Amino acid sequence: MSNNRTEELQRLKQELTRRLERYEAHQHREGGKLEADFSEQAVQRQNDEVVDSLEHEVRDELRHVIHALERIEQGEGEVCERCGNEINPERLKILPWASLCVRCAEAAE
């Protein structure tokens, strides 16, 4: 299980890193400057806000993925970091970056 999970997390890490690079390129206007037309600028700025939100989500997910990979490397990847019980393997299939068992995750919310 751990080997497949590690592969899935590595793949996810690469995908998230690529998405983050695209979002950063958009934010730095690598595709070109703002349009001269004010209404077009307004649309571009709205798009910037959406991309900024997506970038924050991707950074957060990437942080979880990296944390999960570190825990696997330390031999703790299948143990809840709060209570120390085993994380249900089905939960890890659905959320490969999970670091809490269902009970602790629900308590944290």
N, C-alpha and C. Protein backbone atom coordinates (compact mmCIF):
# COMPACT_ATOMS: atom_id res chain seq x y z
N MET A 1 0.83 -1.20 0.00
CA MET A 1 0.00 0.00 0.00
C MET A 1 0.86 1.25 0.00
N SER A 2 1.88 1.28 0.87
CA SER A 2 2.70 2.47 1.02
C SER A 2 3.43 2.84 -0.27
N ASN A 3 3.89 1.82 -1.02
CA ASN A 3 4.61 2.09 -2.26
C ASN A 3 3.69 2.73 -3.31
N ASN A 4 2.47 2.17 -3.46
CA ASN A 4 1.50 2.76 -4.39
C ASN A 4 1.11 4.16 -3.93
N ARG A 5 0.94 4.33 -2.66
CA ARG A 5 0.56 5.64 -2.11
C ARG A 5 1.68 6.65 -2.37
N THR A 6 2.92 6.24 -2.17
CA THR A 6 4.05 7.13 -2.42
C THR A 6 4.08 7.55 -3.88
N GLU A 7 3.86 6.60 -4.78
CA GLU A 7 3.84 6.92 -6.21
C GLU A 7 2.72 7.90 -6.53
N GLU A 8 1.54 7.66 -5.95
CA GLU A 8 0.40 8.56 -6.18
C GLU A 8 0.70 9.96 -5.65
N LEU A 9 1.31 10.04 -4.47
CA LEU A 9 1.66 11.34 -3.90
C LEU A 9 2.73 12.05 -4.73
N GLN A 10 3.70 11.32 -5.24
CA GLN A 10 4.74 11.92 -6.08
C GLN A 10 4.12 12.47 -7.36
N ARG A 11 3.20 11.70 -7.96
CA ARG A 11 2.52 12.15 -9.17
C ARG A 11 1.69 13.40 -8.88
N LEU A 12 1.00 13.39 -7.77
CA LEU A 12 0.19 14.53 -7.37
C LEU A 12 1.07 15.75 -7.10
N LYS A 13 2.20 15.53 -6.47
CA LYS A 13 3.13 16.63 -6.20
C LYS A 13 3.61 17.27 -7.50
N GLN A 14 3.94 16.46 -8.50
CA GLN A 14 4.38 16.99 -9.79
C GLN A 14 3.26 17.79 -10.46
N GLU A 15 2.06 17.23 -10.43
CA GLU A 15 0.92 17.91 -11.04
C GLU A 15 0.64 19.24 -10.36
N LEU A 16 0.64 19.25 -9.04
CA LEU A 16 0.38 20.49 -8.29
C LEU A 16 1.48 21.52 -8.53
N THR A 17 2.71 21.06 -8.63
CA THR A 17 3.84 21.97 -8.89
C THR A 17 3.69 22.62 -10.26
N ARG A 18 3.27 21.83 -11.26
CA ARG A 18 3.06 22.39 -12.61
C ARG A 18 1.92 23.41 -12.59
N ARG A 19 0.83 23.08 -11.90
CA ARG A 19 -0.28 24.03 -11.81
C ARG A 19 0.15 25.31 -11.12
N LEU A 20 0.92 25.18 -10.07
CA LEU A 20 1.40 26.34 -9.34
C LEU A 20 2.28 27.22 -10.22
N GLU A 21 3.12 26.61 -11.02
CA GLU A 21 3.97 27.37 -11.95
C GLU A 21 3.12 28.15 -12.96
N ARG A 22 2.04 27.52 -13.47
CA ARG A 22 1.16 28.21 -14.40
C ARG A 22 0.46 29.39 -13.73
N TYR A 23 0.00 29.20 -12.51
CA TYR A 23 -0.67 30.28 -11.79
C TYR A 23 0.29 31.43 -11.53
N GLU A 24 1.52 31.09 -11.14
CA GLU A 24 2.52 32.14 -10.88
C GLU A 24 2.85 32.90 -12.17
N ALA A 25 2.93 32.18 -13.28
CA ALA A 25 3.20 32.84 -14.57
C ALA A 25 2.06 33.80 -14.91
N HIS A 26 0.84 33.38 -14.64
CA HIS A 26 -0.31 34.26 -14.89
C HIS A 26 -0.21 35.50 -14.01
N GLN A 27 0.09 35.31 -12.76
CA GLN A 27 0.15 36.44 -11.82
C GLN A 27 1.27 37.42 -12.17
N HIS A 28 2.33 36.92 -12.78
CA HIS A 28 3.44 37.79 -13.18
C HIS A 28 3.28 38.32 -14.60
N ARG A 29 2.11 38.09 -15.17
CA ARG A 29 1.77 38.60 -16.50
C ARG A 29 2.76 38.15 -17.58
N GLU A 30 3.20 36.91 -17.50
CA GLU A 30 4.12 36.41 -18.52
C GLU A 30 3.44 36.28 -19.87
N GLY A 31 2.11 36.28 -19.88
CA GLY A 31 1.38 36.21 -21.14
C GLY A 31 1.13 37.57 -21.77
N GLY A 32 1.54 38.62 -21.09
CA GLY A 32 1.34 39.97 -21.61
C GLY A 32 0.77 40.89 -20.55
N LYS A 33 0.88 42.18 -20.79
CA LYS A 33 0.42 43.19 -19.84
C LYS A 33 -1.09 43.33 -19.87
N LEU A 34 -1.60 44.14 -18.95
CA LEU A 34 -3.03 44.43 -18.93
C LEU A 34 -3.45 45.11 -20.23
N GLU A 35 -4.68 44.83 -20.65
CA GLU A 35 -5.23 45.47 -21.84
C GLU A 35 -5.38 46.97 -21.59
N ALA A 36 -5.37 47.73 -22.64
CA ALA A 36 -5.53 49.18 -22.53
C ALA A 36 -6.98 49.55 -22.20
N ASP A 37 -7.91 48.75 -22.68
CA ASP A 37 -9.33 49.01 -22.45
C ASP A 37 -9.69 48.73 -20.99
N PHE A 38 -10.37 49.72 -20.35
CA PHE A 38 -10.69 49.62 -18.93
C PHE A 38 -11.58 48.42 -18.62
N SER A 39 -12.57 48.14 -19.46
CA SER A 39 -13.47 47.01 -19.20
C SER A 39 -12.71 45.68 -19.31
N GLU A 40 -11.78 45.61 -20.24
CA GLU A 40 -10.95 44.41 -20.37
C GLU A 40 -10.04 44.26 -19.15
N GLN A 41 -9.53 45.38 -18.64
CA GLN A 41 -8.71 45.33 -17.43
C GLN A 41 -9.51 44.79 -16.26
N ALA A 42 -10.77 45.21 -16.16
CA ALA A 42 -11.63 44.75 -15.06
C ALA A 42 -11.80 43.23 -15.12
N VAL A 43 -12.00 42.71 -16.32
CA VAL A 43 -12.14 41.26 -16.49
C VAL A 43 -10.83 40.56 -16.13
N GLN A 44 -9.71 41.12 -16.57
CA GLN A 44 -8.42 40.53 -16.26
C GLN A 44 -8.16 40.53 -14.76
N ARG A 45 -8.55 41.58 -14.08
CA ARG A 45 -8.34 41.66 -12.63
C ARG A 45 -9.23 40.66 -11.90
N GLN A 46 -10.46 40.45 -12.41
CA GLN A 46 -11.31 39.42 -11.82
C GLN A 46 -10.68 38.03 -12.00
N ASN A 47 -10.14 37.81 -13.19
CA ASN A 47 -9.44 36.55 -13.44
C ASN A 47 -8.25 36.40 -12.49
N ASP A 48 -7.56 37.50 -12.24
CA ASP A 48 -6.42 37.46 -11.30
C ASP A 48 -6.86 37.01 -9.92
N GLU A 49 -8.04 37.47 -9.48
CA GLU A 49 -8.54 37.09 -8.16
C GLU A 49 -8.86 35.60 -8.12
N VAL A 50 -9.44 35.09 -9.19
CA VAL A 50 -9.74 33.66 -9.25
C VAL A 50 -8.45 32.85 -9.23
N VAL A 51 -7.48 33.26 -10.04
CA VAL A 51 -6.21 32.55 -10.10
C VAL A 51 -5.49 32.62 -8.75
N ASP A 52 -5.58 33.76 -8.08
CA ASP A 52 -4.97 33.91 -6.76
C ASP A 52 -5.58 32.92 -5.78
N SER A 53 -6.89 32.77 -5.81
CA SER A 53 -7.58 31.83 -4.94
C SER A 53 -7.16 30.39 -5.26
N LEU A 54 -7.11 30.06 -6.54
CA LEU A 54 -6.67 28.73 -6.96
C LEU A 54 -5.23 28.46 -6.52
N GLU A 55 -4.39 29.48 -6.64
CA GLU A 55 -2.99 29.34 -6.24
C GLU A 55 -2.88 29.02 -4.75
N HIS A 56 -3.67 29.69 -3.92
CA HIS A 56 -3.65 29.41 -2.49
C HIS A 56 -4.10 27.98 -2.19
N GLU A 57 -5.14 27.53 -2.89
CA GLU A 57 -5.62 26.15 -2.70
C GLU A 57 -4.56 25.14 -3.09
N VAL A 58 -3.89 25.38 -4.21
CA VAL A 58 -2.85 24.45 -4.68
C VAL A 58 -1.68 24.44 -3.71
N ARG A 59 -1.27 25.61 -3.23
CA ARG A 59 -0.18 25.66 -2.25
C ARG A 59 -0.52 24.86 -0.99
N ASP A 60 -1.77 24.98 -0.54
CA ASP A 60 -2.20 24.26 0.66
C ASP A 60 -2.19 22.76 0.41
N GLU A 61 -2.73 22.34 -0.73
CA GLU A 61 -2.75 20.91 -1.06
C GLU A 61 -1.33 20.37 -1.23
N LEU A 62 -0.47 21.15 -1.87
CA LEU A 62 0.92 20.74 -2.05
C LEU A 62 1.62 20.58 -0.70
N ARG A 63 1.33 21.47 0.22
CA ARG A 63 1.91 21.38 1.56
C ARG A 63 1.49 20.06 2.23
N HIS A 64 0.22 19.68 2.08
CA HIS A 64 -0.27 18.42 2.65
C HIS A 64 0.41 17.22 1.99
N VAL A 65 0.58 17.27 0.68
CA VAL A 65 1.21 16.16 -0.04
C VAL A 65 2.66 16.00 0.40
N ILE A 66 3.39 17.09 0.49
CA ILE A 66 4.79 17.03 0.92
C ILE A 66 4.88 16.50 2.35
N HIS A 67 3.98 16.95 3.21
CA HIS A 67 3.96 16.47 4.60
C HIS A 67 3.71 14.96 4.64
N ALA A 68 2.78 14.48 3.82
CA ALA A 68 2.48 13.04 3.77
C ALA A 68 3.69 12.25 3.29
N LEU A 69 4.38 12.76 2.27
CA LEU A 69 5.59 12.07 1.78
C LEU A 69 6.67 12.02 2.85
N GLU A 70 6.83 13.09 3.59
CA GLU A 70 7.82 13.11 4.68
C GLU A 70 7.46 12.09 5.76
N ARG A 71 6.17 12.00 6.09
CA ARG A 71 5.72 11.05 7.10
C ARG A 71 5.94 9.61 6.64
N ILE A 72 5.69 9.34 5.35
CA ILE A 72 5.93 8.00 4.81
C ILE A 72 7.42 7.68 4.90
N GLU A 73 8.25 8.63 4.54
CA GLU A 73 9.70 8.43 4.58
C GLU A 73 10.18 8.11 6.01
N GLN A 74 9.51 8.70 6.99
CA GLN A 74 9.87 8.48 8.39
C GLN A 74 9.21 7.22 8.97
N GLY A 75 8.43 6.52 8.15
CA GLY A 75 7.76 5.31 8.60
C GLY A 75 6.50 5.57 9.41
N GLU A 76 5.96 6.78 9.31
CA GLU A 76 4.77 7.16 10.09
C GLU A 76 3.57 7.46 9.20
N GLY A 77 3.65 7.14 7.94
CA GLY A 77 2.64 7.55 6.98
C GLY A 77 1.26 6.95 7.16
N GLU A 78 1.16 5.84 7.86
CA GLU A 78 -0.13 5.19 8.02
C GLU A 78 -0.64 5.28 9.46
N VAL A 79 -0.02 6.16 10.24
CA VAL A 79 -0.39 6.33 11.65
C VAL A 79 -0.92 7.75 11.84
N CYS A 80 -2.04 7.88 12.55
CA CYS A 80 -2.62 9.19 12.83
C CYS A 80 -1.64 10.00 13.66
N GLU A 81 -1.35 11.22 13.20
CA GLU A 81 -0.38 12.03 13.93
C GLU A 81 -0.95 12.66 15.19
N ARG A 82 -2.25 12.51 15.42
CA ARG A 82 -2.84 13.04 16.65
C ARG A 82 -2.99 11.96 17.72
N CYS A 83 -3.63 10.83 17.37
CA CYS A 83 -3.91 9.80 18.39
C CYS A 83 -2.96 8.61 18.33
N GLY A 84 -2.24 8.43 17.21
CA GLY A 84 -1.30 7.33 17.08
C GLY A 84 -1.91 6.03 16.58
N ASN A 85 -3.21 6.01 16.34
CA ASN A 85 -3.85 4.81 15.78
C ASN A 85 -3.60 4.73 14.28
N GLU A 86 -3.79 3.53 13.74
CA GLU A 86 -3.62 3.34 12.30
C GLU A 86 -4.72 4.08 11.55
N ILE A 87 -4.34 4.73 10.45
CA ILE A 87 -5.31 5.38 9.57
C ILE A 87 -5.89 4.29 8.67
N ASN A 88 -7.20 4.25 8.57
CA ASN A 88 -7.87 3.26 7.75
C ASN A 88 -7.31 3.28 6.33
N PRO A 89 -6.88 2.12 5.80
CA PRO A 89 -6.33 2.07 4.44
C PRO A 89 -7.29 2.61 3.38
N GLU A 90 -8.59 2.44 3.59
CA GLU A 90 -9.57 2.97 2.63
C GLU A 90 -9.53 4.50 2.62
N ARG A 91 -9.32 5.09 3.79
CA ARG A 91 -9.20 6.55 3.87
C ARG A 91 -7.97 7.01 3.09
N LEU A 92 -6.88 6.28 3.21
CA LEU A 92 -5.64 6.64 2.51
C LEU A 92 -5.77 6.46 1.00
N LYS A 93 -6.62 5.54 0.57
CA LYS A 93 -6.86 5.38 -0.87
C LYS A 93 -7.59 6.61 -1.41
N ILE A 94 -8.54 7.12 -0.62
CA ILE A 94 -9.34 8.27 -1.05
C ILE A 94 -8.57 9.58 -0.88
N LEU A 95 -7.90 9.71 0.26
CA LEU A 95 -7.11 10.91 0.58
C LEU A 95 -5.67 10.49 0.87
N PRO A 96 -4.86 10.28 -0.15
CA PRO A 96 -3.51 9.76 0.08
C PRO A 96 -2.63 10.65 0.96
N TRP A 97 -3.00 11.91 1.12
CA TRP A 97 -2.21 12.83 1.94
C TRP A 97 -2.72 12.91 3.38
N ALA A 98 -3.74 12.10 3.72
CA ALA A 98 -4.32 12.15 5.06
C ALA A 98 -3.26 11.84 6.12
N SER A 99 -3.28 12.63 7.19
CA SER A 99 -2.35 12.39 8.30
C SER A 99 -3.11 12.17 9.60
N LEU A 100 -4.46 12.23 9.51
CA LEU A 100 -5.30 12.00 10.67
C LEU A 100 -6.30 10.90 10.37
N CYS A 101 -6.65 10.12 11.38
CA CYS A 101 -7.71 9.13 11.22
C CYS A 101 -9.04 9.89 11.12
N VAL A 102 -10.09 9.20 10.75
CA VAL A 102 -11.38 9.85 10.56
C VAL A 102 -11.85 10.52 11.85
N ARG A 103 -11.72 9.83 12.97
CA ARG A 103 -12.19 10.40 14.25
C ARG A 103 -11.45 11.70 14.58
N CYS A 104 -10.15 11.72 14.43
CA CYS A 104 -9.38 12.93 14.75
C CYS A 104 -9.64 14.05 13.73
N ALA A 105 -9.83 13.66 12.46
CA ALA A 105 -10.13 14.66 11.43
C ALA A 105 -11.48 15.33 11.71
N GLU A 106 -12.46 14.53 12.10
CA GLU A 106 -13.77 15.08 12.42
C GLU A 106 -13.69 15.98 13.66
N ALA A 107 -12.90 15.59 14.64
CA ALA A 107 -12.74 16.40 15.85
C ALA A 107 -12.04 17.71 15.55
N ALA A 108 -11.14 17.70 14.56
CA ALA A 108 -10.38 18.91 14.20
C ALA A 108 -11.25 19.92 13.48
N GLU A 109 -12.33 19.45 12.83
CA GLU A 109 -13.21 20.36 12.09
C GLU A 109 -14.08 21.03 13.07
